[in-house]
Amino acid sequence: MAENISYKEAIEEIEKILQQVESGEMDVDQLTDKVKRVSVLLEICNKKLKTTEKEVEKIIKDMQESDE
Protein backbone atom coordinates (compact mmCIF):
# COMPACT_ATOMS: atom_id res chain seq x y z
CA MET A 1 0.00 0.00 0.00
CA ALA A 2 2.74 2.44 -0.94
CA GLU A 3 0.29 4.76 -2.61
CA ASN A 4 1.41 8.37 -2.80
CA ILE A 5 -1.78 10.26 -2.04
CA SER A 6 -2.30 13.12 0.35
CA TYR A 7 -4.68 12.94 3.29
CA LYS A 8 -6.89 15.56 1.68
CA GLU A 9 -7.02 13.68 -1.63
CA ALA A 10 -7.91 10.45 0.17
CA ILE A 11 -10.73 12.13 2.10
CA GLU A 12 -12.05 13.74 -1.08
CA GLU A 13 -12.06 10.39 -2.87
CA ILE A 14 -13.85 8.73 0.03
CA GLU A 15 -16.47 11.49 0.00
CA LYS A 16 -16.95 11.11 -3.76
CA ILE A 17 -17.45 7.36 -3.43
CA LEU A 18 -19.92 7.85 -0.57
CA GLN A 19 -21.89 10.36 -2.64
CA GLN A 20 -22.07 7.87 -5.50
CA VAL A 21 -23.32 5.14 -3.17
CA GLU A 22 -25.87 7.40 -1.50
CA SER A 23 -27.19 8.80 -4.76
CA GLY A 24 -27.66 5.39 -6.31
CA GLU A 25 -25.25 6.22 -9.14
CA MET A 26 -23.17 3.16 -8.41
CA ASP A 27 -23.86 -0.17 -10.00
CA VAL A 28 -23.99 -3.13 -7.61
CA ASP A 29 -21.15 -4.69 -9.61
CA GLN A 30 -18.91 -1.74 -8.69
CA LEU A 31 -19.83 -1.71 -5.02
CA THR A 32 -17.33 -4.35 -3.88
CA ASP A 33 -14.42 -2.61 -5.63
CA LYS A 34 -15.44 0.77 -4.23
CA VAL A 35 -15.75 -0.61 -0.69
CA LYS A 36 -12.26 -2.11 -1.02
CA ARG A 37 -10.96 1.23 -2.27
CA VAL A 38 -12.50 3.08 0.66
CA SER A 39 -10.88 0.57 3.00
CA VAL A 40 -7.45 1.27 1.47
CA LEU A 41 -8.03 5.02 1.64
CA LEU A 42 -9.09 4.83 5.28
CA GLU A 43 -5.94 2.86 6.09
CA ILE A 44 -3.84 5.53 4.36
CA CYS A 45 -5.60 8.26 6.35
CA ASN A 46 -5.16 6.37 9.61
CA LYS A 47 -1.42 5.91 9.03
CA LYS A 48 -0.99 9.58 8.10
CA LEU A 49 -2.85 10.68 11.25
CA LYS A 50 -0.75 8.40 13.47
CA THR A 51 2.47 9.62 11.86
CA THR A 52 1.44 13.25 12.28
CA GLU A 53 0.45 12.63 15.90
CA LYS A 54 3.87 11.10 16.66
CA GLU A 55 5.67 13.99 14.95
CA VAL A 56 3.67 16.60 16.88
CA GLU A 57 4.27 14.78 20.17
CA LYS A 58 8.01 14.71 19.43
CA ILE A 59 8.05 18.43 18.61
CA ILE A 60 6.20 19.24 21.84
CA LYS A 61 8.53 17.01 23.85
CA ASP A 62 11.60 18.65 22.25
CA MET A 63 10.18 22.10 23.02
CA GLN A 64 9.54 21.16 26.64
CA GLU A 65 13.05 19.74 27.01
CA SER A 66 14.61 22.89 25.56
CA ASP A 67 12.67 25.00 28.11
CA GLU A 68 14.12 23.04 31.02
PDB file of N, CA and C in Angstrom:
ATOM      1  N   MET A   1       0.825  -1.181   0.000  1.00  0.00           N
ATOM      2  CA  MET A   1       0.000   0.000   0.000  1.00  0.00           C
ATOM      3  C   MET A   1       0.876   1.253   0.000  1.00  0.00           C
ATOM      4  N   ALA A   2       1.836   1.295  -0.864  1.00  0.00           N
ATOM      5  CA  ALA A   2       2.739   2.435  -0.936  1.00  0.00           C
ATOM      6  C   ALA A   2       2.187   3.475  -1.897  1.00  0.00           C
ATOM      7  N   GLU A   3       0.942   3.804  -1.725  1.00  0.00           N
ATOM      8  CA  GLU A   3       0.290   4.760  -2.615  1.00  0.00           C
ATOM      9  C   GLU A   3       0.617   6.176  -2.170  1.00  0.00           C
ATOM     10  N   ASN A   4       1.032   6.989  -3.114  1.00  0.00           N
ATOM     11  CA  ASN A   4       1.410   8.368  -2.798  1.00  0.00           C
ATOM     12  C   ASN A   4       0.202   9.274  -3.023  1.00  0.00           C
ATOM     13  N   ILE A   5      -0.581   9.430  -1.988  1.00  0.00           N
ATOM     14  CA  ILE A   5      -1.776  10.258  -2.043  1.00  0.00           C
ATOM     15  C   ILE A   5      -1.834  11.057  -0.750  1.00  0.00           C
ATOM     16  N   SER A   6      -2.233  12.290  -0.855  1.00  0.00           N
ATOM     17  CA  SER A   6      -2.302  13.118   0.351  1.00  0.00           C
ATOM     18  C   SER A   6      -3.541  12.757   1.161  1.00  0.00           C
ATOM     19  N   TYR A   7      -3.528  13.177   2.411  1.00  0.00           N
ATOM     20  CA  TYR A   7      -4.677  12.944   3.292  1.00  0.00           C
ATOM     21  C   TYR A   7      -5.920  13.593   2.697  1.00  0.00           C
ATOM     22  N   LYS A   8      -5.757  14.822   2.242  1.00  0.00           N
ATOM     23  CA  LYS A   8      -6.891  15.561   1.676  1.00  0.00           C
ATOM     24  C   LYS A   8      -7.450  14.857   0.442  1.00  0.00           C
ATOM     25  N   GLU A   9      -6.574  14.390  -0.431  1.00  0.00           N
ATOM     26  CA  GLU A   9      -7.017  13.683  -1.634  1.00  0.00           C
ATOM     27  C   GLU A   9      -7.763  12.393  -1.271  1.00  0.00           C
ATOM     28  N   ALA A  10      -7.259  11.685  -0.266  1.00  0.00           N
ATOM     29  CA  ALA A  10      -7.913  10.447   0.168  1.00  0.00           C
ATOM     30  C   ALA A  10      -9.310  10.732   0.705  1.00  0.00           C
ATOM     31  N   ILE A  11      -9.423  11.764   1.531  1.00  0.00           N
ATOM     32  CA  ILE A  11     -10.730  12.133   2.095  1.00  0.00           C
ATOM     33  C   ILE A  11     -11.694  12.538   0.975  1.00  0.00           C
ATOM     34  N   GLU A  12     -11.205  13.310   0.033  1.00  0.00           N
ATOM     35  CA  GLU A  12     -12.053  13.742  -1.081  1.00  0.00           C
ATOM     36  C   GLU A  12     -12.536  12.550  -1.905  1.00  0.00           C
ATOM     37  N   GLU A  13     -11.662  11.581  -2.114  1.00  0.00           N
ATOM     38  CA  GLU A  13     -12.057  10.394  -2.875  1.00  0.00           C
ATOM     39  C   GLU A  13     -13.082   9.568  -2.105  1.00  0.00           C
ATOM     40  N   ILE A  14     -12.882   9.447  -0.808  1.00  0.00           N
ATOM     41  CA  ILE A  14     -13.854   8.734   0.030  1.00  0.00           C
ATOM     42  C   ILE A  14     -15.214   9.415  -0.055  1.00  0.00           C
ATOM     43  N   GLU A  15     -15.217  10.739   0.067  1.00  0.00           N
ATOM     44  CA  GLU A  15     -16.474  11.489  -0.003  1.00  0.00           C
ATOM     45  C   GLU A  15     -17.162  11.304  -1.351  1.00  0.00           C
ATOM     46  N   LYS A  16     -16.390  11.292  -2.419  1.00  0.00           N
ATOM     47  CA  LYS A  16     -16.954  11.107  -3.759  1.00  0.00           C
ATOM     48  C   LYS A  16     -17.604   9.726  -3.876  1.00  0.00           C
ATOM     49  N   ILE A  17     -16.910   8.715  -3.378  1.00  0.00           N
ATOM     50  CA  ILE A  17     -17.453   7.356  -3.430  1.00  0.00           C
ATOM     51  C   ILE A  17     -18.735   7.269  -2.602  1.00  0.00           C
ATOM     52  N   LEU A  18     -18.723   7.869  -1.420  1.00  0.00           N
ATOM     53  CA  LEU A  18     -19.922   7.845  -0.573  1.00  0.00           C
ATOM     54  C   LEU A  18     -21.100   8.543  -1.245  1.00  0.00           C
ATOM     55  N   GLN A  19     -20.822   9.647  -1.918  1.00  0.00           N
ATOM     56  CA  GLN A  19     -21.887  10.356  -2.639  1.00  0.00           C
ATOM     57  C   GLN A  19     -22.470   9.482  -3.740  1.00  0.00           C
ATOM     58  N   GLN A  20     -21.604   8.753  -4.442  1.00  0.00           N
ATOM     59  CA  GLN A  20     -22.071   7.867  -5.504  1.00  0.00           C
ATOM     60  C   GLN A  20     -22.955   6.755  -4.937  1.00  0.00           C
ATOM     61  N   VAL A  21     -22.539   6.201  -3.806  1.00  0.00           N
ATOM     62  CA  VAL A  21     -23.317   5.135  -3.172  1.00  0.00           C
ATOM     63  C   VAL A  21     -24.665   5.674  -2.713  1.00  0.00           C
ATOM     64  N   GLU A  22     -24.639   6.821  -2.034  1.00  0.00           N
ATOM     65  CA  GLU A  22     -25.873   7.396  -1.497  1.00  0.00           C
ATOM     66  C   GLU A  22     -26.842   7.846  -2.587  1.00  0.00           C
ATOM     67  N   SER A  23     -26.320   8.294  -3.704  1.00  0.00           N
ATOM     68  CA  SER A  23     -27.189   8.800  -4.765  1.00  0.00           C
ATOM     69  C   SER A  23     -27.740   7.682  -5.645  1.00  0.00           C
ATOM     70  N   GLY A  24     -27.218   6.501  -5.492  1.00  0.00           N
ATOM     71  CA  GLY A  24     -27.659   5.386  -6.312  1.00  0.00           C
ATOM     72  C   GLY A  24     -26.994   5.353  -7.674  1.00  0.00           C
ATOM     73  N   GLU A  25     -25.975   6.185  -7.873  1.00  0.00           N
ATOM     74  CA  GLU A  25     -25.249   6.224  -9.145  1.00  0.00           C
ATOM     75  C   GLU A  25     -24.443   4.952  -9.382  1.00  0.00           C
ATOM     76  N   MET A  26     -24.091   4.273  -8.317  1.00  0.00           N
ATOM     77  CA  MET A  26     -23.173   3.161  -8.409  1.00  0.00           C
ATOM     78  C   MET A  26     -23.891   1.856  -8.694  1.00  0.00           C
ATOM     79  N   ASP A  27     -23.368   1.150  -9.639  1.00  0.00           N
ATOM     80  CA  ASP A  27     -23.855  -0.172 -10.004  1.00  0.00           C
ATOM     81  C   ASP A  27     -23.443  -1.158  -8.900  1.00  0.00           C
ATOM     82  N   VAL A  28     -24.281  -2.115  -8.639  1.00  0.00           N
ATOM     83  CA  VAL A  28     -23.988  -3.126  -7.612  1.00  0.00           C
ATOM     84  C   VAL A  28     -22.682  -3.843  -7.930  1.00  0.00           C
ATOM     85  N   ASP A  29     -22.387  -4.019  -9.214  1.00  0.00           N
ATOM     86  CA  ASP A  29     -21.154  -4.695  -9.611  1.00  0.00           C
ATOM     87  C   ASP A  29     -19.908  -3.904  -9.214  1.00  0.00           C
ATOM     88  N   GLN A  30     -20.041  -2.595  -9.066  1.00  0.00           N
ATOM     89  CA  GLN A  30     -18.913  -1.739  -8.693  1.00  0.00           C
ATOM     90  C   GLN A  30     -18.761  -1.631  -7.176  1.00  0.00           C
ATOM     91  N   LEU A  31     -19.792  -1.960  -6.460  1.00  0.00           N
ATOM     92  CA  LEU A  31     -19.832  -1.714  -5.024  1.00  0.00           C
ATOM     93  C   LEU A  31     -18.680  -2.377  -4.278  1.00  0.00           C
ATOM     94  N   THR A  32     -18.407  -3.639  -4.568  1.00  0.00           N
ATOM     95  CA  THR A  32     -17.327  -4.349  -3.877  1.00  0.00           C
ATOM     96  C   THR A  32     -15.989  -3.655  -4.089  1.00  0.00           C
ATOM     97  N   ASP A  33     -15.692  -3.286  -5.343  1.00  0.00           N
ATOM     98  CA  ASP A  33     -14.421  -2.612  -5.629  1.00  0.00           C
ATOM     99  C   ASP A  33     -14.334  -1.268  -4.921  1.00  0.00           C
ATOM    100  N   LYS A  34     -15.438  -0.545  -4.881  1.00  0.00           N
ATOM    101  CA  LYS A  34     -15.440   0.765  -4.225  1.00  0.00           C
ATOM    102  C   LYS A  34     -15.282   0.627  -2.711  1.00  0.00           C
ATOM    103  N   VAL A  35     -15.904  -0.376  -2.130  1.00  0.00           N
ATOM    104  CA  VAL A  35     -15.752  -0.608  -0.687  1.00  0.00           C
ATOM    105  C   VAL A  35     -14.302  -0.964  -0.371  1.00  0.00           C
ATOM    106  N   LYS A  36     -13.685  -1.772  -1.205  1.00  0.00           N
ATOM    107  CA  LYS A  36     -12.262  -2.112  -1.019  1.00  0.00           C
ATOM    108  C   LYS A  36     -11.400  -0.855  -1.120  1.00  0.00           C
ATOM    109  N   ARG A  37     -11.723  -0.005  -2.083  1.00  0.00           N
ATOM    110  CA  ARG A  37     -10.957   1.229  -2.271  1.00  0.00           C
ATOM    111  C   ARG A  37     -11.083   2.143  -1.049  1.00  0.00           C
ATOM    112  N   VAL A  38     -12.289   2.270  -0.537  1.00  0.00           N
ATOM    113  CA  VAL A  38     -12.497   3.083   0.662  1.00  0.00           C
ATOM    114  C   VAL A  38     -11.694   2.512   1.821  1.00  0.00           C
ATOM    115  N   SER A  39     -11.655   1.201   1.939  1.00  0.00           N
ATOM    116  CA  SER A  39     -10.878   0.565   3.004  1.00  0.00           C
ATOM    117  C   SER A  39      -9.397   0.934   2.902  1.00  0.00           C
ATOM    118  N   VAL A  40      -8.858   0.893   1.693  1.00  0.00           N
ATOM    119  CA  VAL A  40      -7.453   1.267   1.468  1.00  0.00           C
ATOM    120  C   VAL A  40      -7.239   2.742   1.815  1.00  0.00           C
ATOM    121  N   LEU A  41      -8.155   3.585   1.371  1.00  0.00           N
ATOM    122  CA  LEU A  41      -8.033   5.023   1.638  1.00  0.00           C
ATOM    123  C   LEU A  41      -8.107   5.319   3.134  1.00  0.00           C
ATOM    124  N   LEU A  42      -8.991   4.634   3.835  1.00  0.00           N
ATOM    125  CA  LEU A  42      -9.089   4.826   5.284  1.00  0.00           C
ATOM    126  C   LEU A  42      -7.813   4.386   5.989  1.00  0.00           C
ATOM    127  N   GLU A  43      -7.207   3.315   5.511  1.00  0.00           N
ATOM    128  CA  GLU A  43      -5.939   2.859   6.093  1.00  0.00           C
ATOM    129  C   GLU A  43      -4.841   3.895   5.865  1.00  0.00           C
ATOM    130  N   ILE A  44      -4.810   4.469   4.673  1.00  0.00           N
ATOM    131  CA  ILE A  44      -3.836   5.525   4.363  1.00  0.00           C
ATOM    132  C   ILE A  44      -4.040   6.711   5.308  1.00  0.00           C
ATOM    133  N   CYS A  45      -5.284   7.138   5.466  1.00  0.00           N
ATOM    134  CA  CYS A  45      -5.595   8.265   6.355  1.00  0.00           C
ATOM    135  C   CYS A  45      -5.187   7.961   7.788  1.00  0.00           C
ATOM    136  N   ASN A  46      -5.499   6.768   8.248  1.00  0.00           N
ATOM    137  CA  ASN A  46      -5.163   6.374   9.609  1.00  0.00           C
ATOM    138  C   ASN A  46      -3.652   6.419   9.833  1.00  0.00           C
ATOM    139  N   LYS A  47      -2.885   5.898   8.894  1.00  0.00           N
ATOM    140  CA  LYS A  47      -1.420   5.911   9.026  1.00  0.00           C
ATOM    141  C   LYS A  47      -0.884   7.346   9.020  1.00  0.00           C
ATOM    142  N   LYS A  48      -1.445   8.189   8.156  1.00  0.00           N
ATOM    143  CA  LYS A  48      -0.987   9.581   8.105  1.00  0.00           C
ATOM    144  C   LYS A  48      -1.311  10.313   9.413  1.00  0.00           C
ATOM    145  N   LEU A  49      -2.482  10.047   9.973  1.00  0.00           N
ATOM    146  CA  LEU A  49      -2.849  10.675  11.247  1.00  0.00           C
ATOM    147  C   LEU A  49      -1.937  10.214  12.376  1.00  0.00           C
ATOM    148  N   LYS A  50      -1.639   8.917  12.417  1.00  0.00           N
ATOM    149  CA  LYS A  50      -0.749   8.403  13.466  1.00  0.00           C
ATOM    150  C   LYS A  50       0.655   8.972  13.321  1.00  0.00           C
ATOM    151  N   THR A  51       1.137   9.058  12.095  1.00  0.00           N
ATOM    152  CA  THR A  51       2.467   9.617  11.859  1.00  0.00           C
ATOM    153  C   THR A  51       2.516  11.080  12.290  1.00  0.00           C
ATOM    154  N   THR A  52       1.502  11.834  11.918  1.00  0.00           N
ATOM    155  CA  THR A  52       1.442  13.246  12.283  1.00  0.00           C
ATOM    156  C   THR A  52       1.369  13.402  13.797  1.00  0.00           C
ATOM    157  N   GLU A  53       0.562  12.573  14.442  1.00  0.00           N
ATOM    158  CA  GLU A  53       0.453  12.630  15.898  1.00  0.00           C
ATOM    159  C   GLU A  53       1.804  12.395  16.561  1.00  0.00           C
ATOM    160  N   LYS A  54       2.546  11.401  16.093  1.00  0.00           N
ATOM    161  CA  LYS A  54       3.870  11.104  16.660  1.00  0.00           C
ATOM    162  C   LYS A  54       4.832  12.274  16.445  1.00  0.00           C
ATOM    163  N   GLU A  55       4.777  12.868  15.248  1.00  0.00           N
ATOM    164  CA  GLU A  55       5.667  13.989  14.951  1.00  0.00           C
ATOM    165  C   GLU A  55       5.349  15.188  15.844  1.00  0.00           C
ATOM    166  N   VAL A  56       4.073  15.479  16.031  1.00  0.00           N
ATOM    167  CA  VAL A  56       3.666  16.600  16.880  1.00  0.00           C
ATOM    168  C   VAL A  56       4.075  16.339  18.322  1.00  0.00           C
ATOM    169  N   GLU A  57       3.868  15.120  18.796  1.00  0.00           N
ATOM    170  CA  GLU A  57       4.273  14.780  20.168  1.00  0.00           C
ATOM    171  C   GLU A  57       5.771  14.964  20.345  1.00  0.00           C
ATOM    172  N   LYS A  58       6.557  14.561  19.339  1.00  0.00           N
ATOM    173  CA  LYS A  58       8.012  14.712  19.426  1.00  0.00           C
ATOM    174  C   LYS A  58       8.400  16.188  19.457  1.00  0.00           C
ATOM    175  N   ILE A  59       7.758  16.993  18.633  1.00  0.00           N
ATOM    176  CA  ILE A  59       8.051  18.427  18.612  1.00  0.00           C
ATOM    177  C   ILE A  59       7.739  19.052  19.967  1.00  0.00           C
ATOM    178  N   ILE A  60       6.595  18.704  20.530  1.00  0.00           N
ATOM    179  CA  ILE A  60       6.204  19.244  21.837  1.00  0.00           C
ATOM    180  C   ILE A  60       7.188  18.794  22.908  1.00  0.00           C
ATOM    181  N   LYS A  61       7.570  17.536  22.878  1.00  0.00           N
ATOM    182  CA  LYS A  61       8.531  17.012  23.850  1.00  0.00           C
ATOM    183  C   LYS A  61       9.874  17.745  23.721  1.00  0.00           C
ATOM    184  N   ASP A  62      10.330  17.928  22.478  1.00  0.00           N
ATOM    185  CA  ASP A  62      11.595  18.646  22.252  1.00  0.00           C
ATOM    186  C   ASP A  62      11.513  20.077  22.744  1.00  0.00           C
ATOM    187  N   MET A  63      10.360  20.720  22.536  1.00  0.00           N
ATOM    188  CA  MET A  63      10.182  22.100  23.017  1.00  0.00           C
ATOM    189  C   MET A  63      10.218  22.149  24.534  1.00  0.00           C
ATOM    190  N   GLN A  64       9.571  21.195  25.171  1.00  0.00           N
ATOM    191  CA  GLN A  64       9.540  21.163  26.639  1.00  0.00           C
ATOM    192  C   GLN A  64      10.940  20.919  27.191  1.00  0.00           C
ATOM    193  N   GLU A  65      11.688  20.041  26.549  1.00  0.00           N
ATOM    194  CA  GLU A  65      13.049  19.742  27.014  1.00  0.00           C
ATOM    195  C   GLU A  65      13.970  20.942  26.832  1.00  0.00           C
ATOM    196  N   SER A  66      13.751  21.721  25.792  1.00  0.00           N
ATOM    197  CA  SER A  66      14.612  22.885  25.558  1.00  0.00           C
ATOM    198  C   SER A  66      14.289  24.014  26.556  1.00  0.00           C
ATOM    199  N   ASP A  67      13.070  23.997  27.100  1.00  0.00           N
ATOM    200  CA  ASP A  67      12.674  25.002  28.106  1.00  0.00           C
ATOM    201  C   ASP A  67      13.252  24.683  29.485  1.00  0.00           C
ATOM    202  N   GLU A  68      13.629  23.449  29.680  1.00  0.00           N
ATOM    203  CA  GLU A  68      14.116  23.036  31.023  1.00  0.00           C
ATOM    204  C   GLU A  68      15.524  23.423  31.280  1.00  0.00           C
TER     205      GLU A  68
END
